[in-house]
């Protein structure tokens, strides 16, 4: 993890504002769904990644892999599929 040197206080309703610089750097706009995790080190917030989106992407990558004849493309697709399956 990388320290950003930014400190924000929680308000009386338990809200913490994600700084504008962080939102811009990640492409997060108002309404972006976020998911939260409790970890041993604290609290993790990230953009929501649904399993259905992941399955849809993996299906498209596998389908493309089956129908391509380019060895370089096959290698890249295989690496992408392995990477996504690790998460």
Protein backbone atom coordinates (compact mmCIF):
# COMPACT_ATOMS: atom_id res chain seq x y z
CA UNK A 1 0.00 0.00 0.00
CA UNK A 2 1.10 3.53 -0.71
CA UNK A 3 0.65 6.29 1.87
CA UNK A 4 -0.91 9.42 0.38
CA UNK A 5 -0.24 11.73 3.30
CA UNK A 6 -3.92 12.73 3.42
CA UNK A 7 -5.88 12.70 6.67
CA UNK A 8 -9.66 13.12 6.86
CA UNK A 9 -11.88 13.10 9.94
CA UNK A 10 -15.02 11.02 10.25
CA UNK A 11 -18.12 13.15 10.83
CA UNK A 12 -20.82 12.48 13.42
CA UNK A 13 -22.70 10.25 10.93
CA UNK A 14 -19.63 8.08 10.26
CA UNK A 15 -18.84 9.58 6.85
CA UNK A 16 -15.35 10.12 5.50
CA UNK A 17 -14.84 12.13 2.31
CA UNK A 18 -12.58 10.61 -0.35
CA UNK A 19 -10.34 13.50 -1.46
CA UNK A 20 -10.93 14.95 -4.92
CA UNK A 21 -7.39 14.08 -6.04
CA UNK A 22 -7.99 10.39 -5.25
CA UNK A 23 -11.40 10.39 -6.95
CA UNK A 24 -10.00 12.02 -10.10
CA UNK A 25 -6.99 9.70 -10.25
CA UNK A 26 -9.30 6.66 -10.11
CA UNK A 27 -12.04 8.02 -12.37
CA UNK A 28 -14.62 7.91 -9.57
CA UNK A 29 -17.60 10.24 -9.96
CA UNK A 30 -20.72 10.77 -7.86
CA UNK A 31 -22.76 7.59 -7.95
CA UNK A 32 -19.79 5.23 -8.48
CA UNK A 33 -20.60 2.05 -6.54
CA UNK A 34 -17.97 1.28 -3.91
CA UNK A 35 -17.38 -1.85 -1.84
CA UNK A 36 -15.77 -2.03 1.59
CA UNK A 37 -13.67 -4.66 3.33
CA UNK A 38 -12.35 -5.00 6.88
CA UNK A 39 -8.72 -6.13 6.81
CA UNK A 40 -6.13 -6.90 9.47
CA UNK A 41 -4.54 -3.55 8.69
CA UNK A 42 -7.75 -1.52 8.71
CA UNK A 43 -10.36 -0.72 6.11
CA UNK A 44 -10.25 -1.06 2.32
CA UNK A 45 -12.56 0.82 -0.05
CA UNK A 46 -12.53 0.14 -3.79
CA UNK A 47 -14.77 0.46 -6.80
CA UNK A 48 -17.37 -2.31 -6.79
CA UNK A 49 -16.54 -5.25 -9.03
CA UNK A 50 -19.46 -7.61 -9.36
CA UNK A 51 -18.89 -11.28 -10.03
CA UNK A 52 -21.33 -11.16 -12.94
CA UNK A 53 -19.18 -8.53 -14.69
CA UNK A 54 -16.10 -10.65 -14.04
CA UNK A 55 -17.80 -13.78 -15.44
CA UNK A 56 -18.99 -11.85 -18.50
CA UNK A 57 -15.48 -10.54 -19.17
CA UNK A 58 -13.93 -13.97 -18.71
CA UNK A 59 -16.49 -15.46 -21.11
CA UNK A 60 -15.68 -12.87 -23.76
CA UNK A 61 -11.92 -13.39 -23.33
CA UNK A 62 -12.25 -17.19 -23.54
CA UNK A 63 -14.47 -16.91 -26.62
CA UNK A 64 -11.96 -14.61 -28.31
CA UNK A 65 -9.12 -16.97 -27.34
CA UNK A 66 -10.90 -19.89 -29.01
CA UNK A 67 -11.49 -17.97 -32.24
CA UNK A 68 -8.14 -16.26 -32.77
CA UNK A 69 -5.23 -17.72 -34.70
CA UNK A 70 -2.64 -15.10 -33.73
CA UNK A 71 -0.18 -16.63 -31.24
CA UNK A 72 0.70 -13.28 -29.66
CA UNK A 73 -2.97 -12.49 -29.08
CA UNK A 74 -3.49 -15.98 -27.61
CA UNK A 75 -0.63 -15.45 -25.18
CA UNK A 76 -1.94 -12.04 -24.07
CA UNK A 77 -5.49 -13.37 -23.64
CA UNK A 78 -4.24 -16.36 -21.64
CA UNK A 79 -2.30 -14.07 -19.30
CA UNK A 80 -5.31 -11.79 -18.86
CA UNK A 81 -7.59 -14.75 -18.06
CA UNK A 82 -5.11 -16.11 -15.48
CA UNK A 83 -4.77 -12.66 -13.90
CA UNK A 84 -8.53 -12.16 -13.61
CA UNK A 85 -9.02 -15.64 -12.16
CA UNK A 86 -6.48 -14.90 -9.38
CA UNK A 87 -8.65 -12.10 -7.94
